[in-house]
C-alpha atoms as a PDB file:
ATOM      1  CA  MET A   1      40.411 117.026  15.241  1.00  0.00           C
ATOM      2  CA  SER A   2      38.125 113.921  14.637  1.00  0.00           C
ATOM      3  CA  ARG A   3      36.403 112.354  17.576  1.00  0.00           C
ATOM      4  CA  ARG A   4      38.655 109.282  17.343  1.00  0.00           C
ATOM      5  CA  THR A   5      41.765 111.482  18.259  1.00  0.00           C
ATOM      6  CA  PRO A   6      41.356 111.773  21.906  1.00  0.00           C
ATOM      7  CA  VAL A   7      40.513 108.177  22.154  1.00  0.00           C
ATOM      8  CA  ALA A   8      43.662 107.247  20.120  1.00  0.00           C
ATOM      9  CA  LEU A   9      45.801 109.583  22.233  1.00  0.00           C
ATOM     10  CA  ALA A  10      44.548 108.078  25.479  1.00  0.00           C
ATOM     11  CA  LEU A  11      45.452 104.614  24.093  1.00  0.00           C
ATOM     12  CA  VAL A  12      48.839 105.726  23.164  1.00  0.00           C
ATOM     13  CA  ALA A  13      49.468 107.296  26.597  1.00  0.00           C
ATOM     14  CA  LEU A  14      48.185 104.187  28.266  1.00  0.00           C
ATOM     15  CA  LEU A  15      50.453 102.056  26.250  1.00  0.00           C
ATOM     16  CA  ALA A  16      53.490 104.284  26.913  1.00  0.00           C
ATOM     17  CA  ALA A  17      52.735 103.994  30.565  1.00  0.00           C
ATOM     18  CA  ALA A  18      52.457 100.350  30.610  1.00  0.00           C
ATOM     19  CA  CYS A  19      55.711  99.907  28.749  1.00  0.00           C
ATOM     20  CA  SER A  20      57.533 102.078  31.102  1.00  0.00           C
ATOM     21  CA  ALA A  21      56.169 100.446  34.278  1.00  0.00           C
ATOM     22  CA  LYS A  22      58.646  98.365  36.371  1.00  0.00           C
ATOM     23  CA  PRO A  23      58.115  94.541  35.593  1.00  0.00           C
ATOM     24  CA  THR A  24      56.765  92.626  38.605  1.00  0.00           C
ATOM     25  CA  THR A  25      57.962  89.419  39.882  1.00  0.00           C
ATOM     26  CA  SER A  26      56.324  86.107  38.731  1.00  0.00           C
ATOM     27  CA  VAL A  27      53.589  84.844  41.150  1.00  0.00           C
ATOM     28  CA  HIS A  28      56.008  81.721  40.964  1.00  0.00           C
ATOM     29  CA  ASP A  29      58.891  83.616  42.344  1.00  0.00           C
ATOM     30  CA  VAL A  30      59.754  83.262  46.154  1.00  0.00           C
ATOM     31  CA  SER A  31      60.977  86.131  48.282  1.00  0.00           C
ATOM     32  CA  VAL A  32      64.388  85.672  49.776  1.00  0.00           C
ATOM     33  CA  PRO A  33      66.056  88.692  51.302  1.00  0.00           C
ATOM     34  CA  ALA A  34      69.464  89.319  49.677  1.00  0.00           C
ATOM     35  CA  VAL A  35      72.542  89.519  51.998  1.00  0.00           C
ATOM     36  CA  ASN A  36      73.546  93.189  52.080  1.00  0.00           C
ATOM     37  CA  GLY A  37      77.003  94.495  52.436  1.00  0.00           C
ATOM     38  CA  VAL A  38      79.095  91.541  51.343  1.00  0.00           C
ATOM     39  CA  SER A  39      82.490  91.986  50.056  1.00  0.00           C
ATOM     40  CA  PRO A  40      83.306  91.517  46.359  1.00  0.00           C
ATOM     41  CA  ALA A  41      85.179  88.526  47.150  1.00  0.00           C
ATOM     42  CA  THR A  42      82.231  86.842  48.967  1.00  0.00           C
ATOM     43  CA  LEU A  43      79.898  87.895  46.315  1.00  0.00           C
ATOM     44  CA  LEU A  44      82.006  86.095  43.888  1.00  0.00           C
ATOM     45  CA  THR A  45      82.330  83.083  46.055  1.00  0.00           C
ATOM     46  CA  CYS A  46      78.473  83.158  46.324  1.00  0.00           C
ATOM     47  CA  ARG A  47      77.989  83.539  42.538  1.00  0.00           C
ATOM     48  CA  ASN A  48      80.232  80.432  42.059  1.00  0.00           C
ATOM     49  CA  LEU A  49      78.098  78.496  44.668  1.00  0.00           C
ATOM     50  CA  LYS A  50      75.010  79.404  43.036  1.00  0.00           C
ATOM     51  CA  LEU A  51      76.200  78.093  39.728  1.00  0.00           C
ATOM     52  CA  ASP A  52      77.092  74.736  41.397  1.00  0.00           C
ATOM     53  CA  LEU A  53      73.882  74.189  43.493  1.00  0.00           C
ATOM     54  CA  PRO A  54      71.724  71.103  42.475  1.00  0.00           C
ATOM     55  CA  LYS A  55      68.733  71.737  40.205  1.00  0.00           C
ATOM     56  CA  GLN A  56      66.856  69.121  42.515  1.00  0.00           C
ATOM     57  CA  VAL A  57      67.155  68.441  46.171  1.00  0.00           C
ATOM     58  CA  ALA A  58      65.679  65.665  48.139  1.00  0.00           C
ATOM     59  CA  GLY A  59      62.272  64.303  46.917  1.00  0.00           C
ATOM     60  CA  GLY A  60      62.670  65.995  43.380  1.00  0.00           C
ATOM     61  CA  THR A  61      62.293  69.371  44.974  1.00  0.00           C
ATOM     62  CA  THR A  62      63.262  71.695  42.106  1.00  0.00           C
ATOM     63  CA  LEU A  63      65.165  74.992  42.001  1.00  0.00           C
ATOM     64  CA  ARG A  64      62.919  77.840  41.359  1.00  0.00           C
ATOM     65  CA  PRO A  65      63.310  81.794  40.911  1.00  0.00           C
ATOM     66  CA  ALA A  66      63.998  83.938  43.896  1.00  0.00           C
ATOM     67  CA  ALA A  67      63.000  87.396  44.131  1.00  0.00           C
ATOM     68  CA  PRO A  68      64.783  89.636  44.053  1.00  0.00           C
ATOM     69  CA  LEU A  69      67.315  88.140  41.827  1.00  0.00           C
ATOM     70  CA  SER A  70      70.620  88.080  43.708  1.00  0.00           C
ATOM     71  CA  ASP A  71      73.912  85.997  43.590  1.00  0.00           C
ATOM     72  CA  THR A  72      73.412  85.503  47.322  1.00  0.00           C
ATOM     73  CA  THR A  73      69.968  83.784  47.136  1.00  0.00           C
ATOM     74  CA  ALA A  74      68.444  80.493  46.009  1.00  0.00           C
ATOM     75  CA  ALA A  75      65.225  78.735  46.483  1.00  0.00           C
ATOM     76  CA  TRP A  76      63.601  75.358  45.858  1.00  0.00           C
ATOM     77  CA  GLY A  77      60.138  73.967  45.956  1.00  0.00           C
ATOM     78  CA  THR A  78      56.793  74.736  47.588  1.00  0.00           C
ATOM     79  CA  PRO A  79      56.777  75.672  50.426  1.00  0.00           C
ATOM     80  CA  PRO A  80      60.196  77.255  49.563  1.00  0.00           C
ATOM     81  CA  ILE A  81      63.336  76.041  50.860  1.00  0.00           C
ATOM     82  CA  THR A  82      65.715  79.069  50.829  1.00  0.00           C
ATOM     83  CA  LEU A  83      69.453  79.510  50.835  1.00  0.00           C
ATOM     84  CA  ARG A  84      71.159  82.837  51.623  1.00  0.00           C
ATOM     85  CA  CYS A  85      75.166  83.070  51.065  1.00  0.00           C
ATOM     86  CA  GLY A  86      77.465  85.367  52.983  1.00  0.00           C
ATOM     87  CA  VAL A  87      75.822  85.164  56.374  1.00  0.00           C
ATOM     88  CA  ARG A  88      77.611  84.715  59.640  1.00  0.00           C
ATOM     89  CA  ALA A  89      78.725  81.331  60.879  1.00  0.00           C
ATOM     90  CA  GLY A  90      76.073  79.335  62.755  1.00  0.00           C
ATOM     91  CA  SER A  91      76.185  79.221  66.474  1.00  0.00           C
ATOM     92  CA  PRO A  92      78.150  76.551  68.124  1.00  0.00           C
ATOM     93  CA  LEU A  93      75.365  76.548  70.691  1.00  0.00           C
ATOM     94  CA  ASP A  94      72.883  75.342  68.304  1.00  0.00           C
ATOM     95  CA  ASP A  95      72.506  71.586  67.406  1.00  0.00           C
ATOM     96  CA  PRO A  96      75.623  70.448  65.482  1.00  0.00           C
ATOM     97  CA  TYR A  97      75.445  68.255  62.602  1.00  0.00           C
ATOM     98  CA  THR A  98      77.671  66.838  59.808  1.00  0.00           C
ATOM     99  CA  PHE A  99      76.554  65.818  56.714  1.00  0.00           C
ATOM    100  CA  ASN A 100      78.839  64.572  53.821  1.00  0.00           C
ATOM    101  CA  GLY A 101      81.652  66.426  55.237  1.00  0.00           C
ATOM    102  CA  VAL A 102      80.015  69.810  55.968  1.00  0.00           C
ATOM    103  CA  GLN A 103      79.226  71.000  59.502  1.00  0.00           C
ATOM    104  CA  TRP A 104      76.050  72.552  60.126  1.00  0.00           C
ATOM    105  CA  ALA A 105      74.463  74.359  63.102  1.00  0.00           C
ATOM    106  CA  MET A 106      70.698  73.600  63.203  1.00  0.00           C
ATOM    107  CA  HIS A 107      68.170  76.133  64.917  1.00  0.00           C
ATOM    108  CA  ASP A 108      64.612  74.947  65.072  1.00  0.00           C
ATOM    109  CA  ASN A 109      62.364  78.146  65.198  1.00  0.00           C
ATOM    110  CA  GLY A 110      59.127  76.172  65.347  1.00  0.00           C
ATOM    111  CA  ALA A 111      58.069  76.437  61.766  1.00  0.00           C
ATOM    112  CA  SER A 112      61.195  75.518  60.045  1.00  0.00           C
ATOM    113  CA  ARG A 113      64.792  74.808  60.744  1.00  0.00           C
ATOM    114  CA  LEU A 114      67.779  76.905  59.789  1.00  0.00           C
ATOM    115  CA  TRP A 115      70.775  74.958  58.762  1.00  0.00           C
ATOM    116  CA  THR A 116      74.020  77.357  59.042  1.00  0.00           C
ATOM    117  CA  THR A 117      77.363  76.180  57.980  1.00  0.00           C
ATOM    118  CA  LEU A 118      80.106  76.137  60.435  1.00  0.00           C
ATOM    119  CA  GLY A 119      83.731  76.555  59.817  1.00  0.00           C
ATOM    120  CA  ARG A 120      83.648  78.055  56.349  1.00  0.00           C
ATOM    121  CA  LYS A 121      85.358  81.172  55.108  1.00  0.00           C
ATOM    122  CA  VAL A 122      81.925  82.072  53.531  1.00  0.00           C
ATOM    123  CA  ASN A 123      78.917  80.608  55.165  1.00  0.00           C
ATOM    124  CA  VAL A 124      75.247  79.949  54.066  1.00  0.00           C
ATOM    125  CA  VAL A 125      72.110  79.394  55.853  1.00  0.00           C
ATOM    126  CA  VAL A 126      69.364  77.145  54.399  1.00  0.00           C
ATOM    127  CA  GLU A 127      65.856  77.455  55.787  1.00  0.00           C
ATOM    128  CA  VAL A 128      63.812  74.257  55.513  1.00  0.00           C
ATOM    129  CA  PRO A 129      60.152  74.348  56.426  1.00  0.00           C
ATOM    130  CA  ASP A 130      59.033  71.730  58.744  1.00  0.00           C
ATOM    131  CA  ALA A 131      56.921  70.308  55.886  1.00  0.00           C
ATOM    132  CA  TYR A 132      59.987  68.576  54.610  1.00  0.00           C
ATOM    133  CA  SER A 133      60.627  65.324  56.681  1.00  0.00           C
ATOM    134  CA  SER A 134      63.778  64.389  54.856  1.00  0.00           C
ATOM    135  CA  GLN A 135      65.894  67.400  55.901  1.00  0.00           C
ATOM    136  CA  ALA A 136      69.043  65.337  56.547  1.00  0.00           C
ATOM    137  CA  GLU A 137      68.996  64.204  53.108  1.00  0.00           C
ATOM    138  CA  LEU A 138      68.206  67.514  51.698  1.00  0.00           C
ATOM    139  CA  ILE A 139      71.248  69.327  53.537  1.00  0.00           C
ATOM    140  CA  GLY A 140      73.468  66.635  52.622  1.00  0.00           C
ATOM    141  CA  GLY A 141      72.515  67.122  48.761  1.00  0.00           C
ATOM    142  CA  LEU A 142      74.092  70.577  49.167  1.00  0.00           C
ATOM    143  CA  ALA A 143      77.298  69.506  50.458  1.00  0.00           C
ATOM    144  CA  ALA A 144      79.252  68.949  47.309  1.00  0.00           C
ATOM    145  CA  ALA A 145      78.364  72.566  46.157  1.00  0.00           C
ATOM    146  CA  VAL A 146      79.365  73.896  49.530  1.00  0.00           C
ATOM    147  CA  LYS A 147      82.685  71.901  49.636  1.00  0.00           C
ATOM    148  CA  ALA A 148      83.638  73.017  46.370  1.00  0.00           C
ATOM    149  CA  ASN A 149      82.954  76.589  46.808  1.00  0.00           C
ATOM    150  CA  LEU A 150      82.984  77.621  50.482  1.00  0.00           C
ATOM    151  CA  ARG A 151      86.309  76.391  51.521  1.00  0.00           C
END
């Protein structure tokens, strides 16, 4: 065996390990916890909603990857505006709002506002960091997709 053989074998082993490693998420992905335990019908509804979501919301904030990939999540911008589909309805005790025909319950948690749909068969919650000043415009921009998919 030549002196080069152990080095070549080590390189082959290192390359094989790298190829079999799990891929990591991009540093540009935003972590959004998926909704667990949704029914197949809800999952289909959420999948259809996700296909209809706008690519941009208020102020040109663009859709971005959410990790882990899920049919129940979406995200826009930095800091991330996140959407989770298949959640419980918003509390009627929270501040009620209606934008473009969709009712929402808004809960201010100090660093962001949680906007959760009311009166839908399948509900979504959108978390908007306080860094965004045009929250009504932003939430209103989601109304067409919500009305079309979350009856």
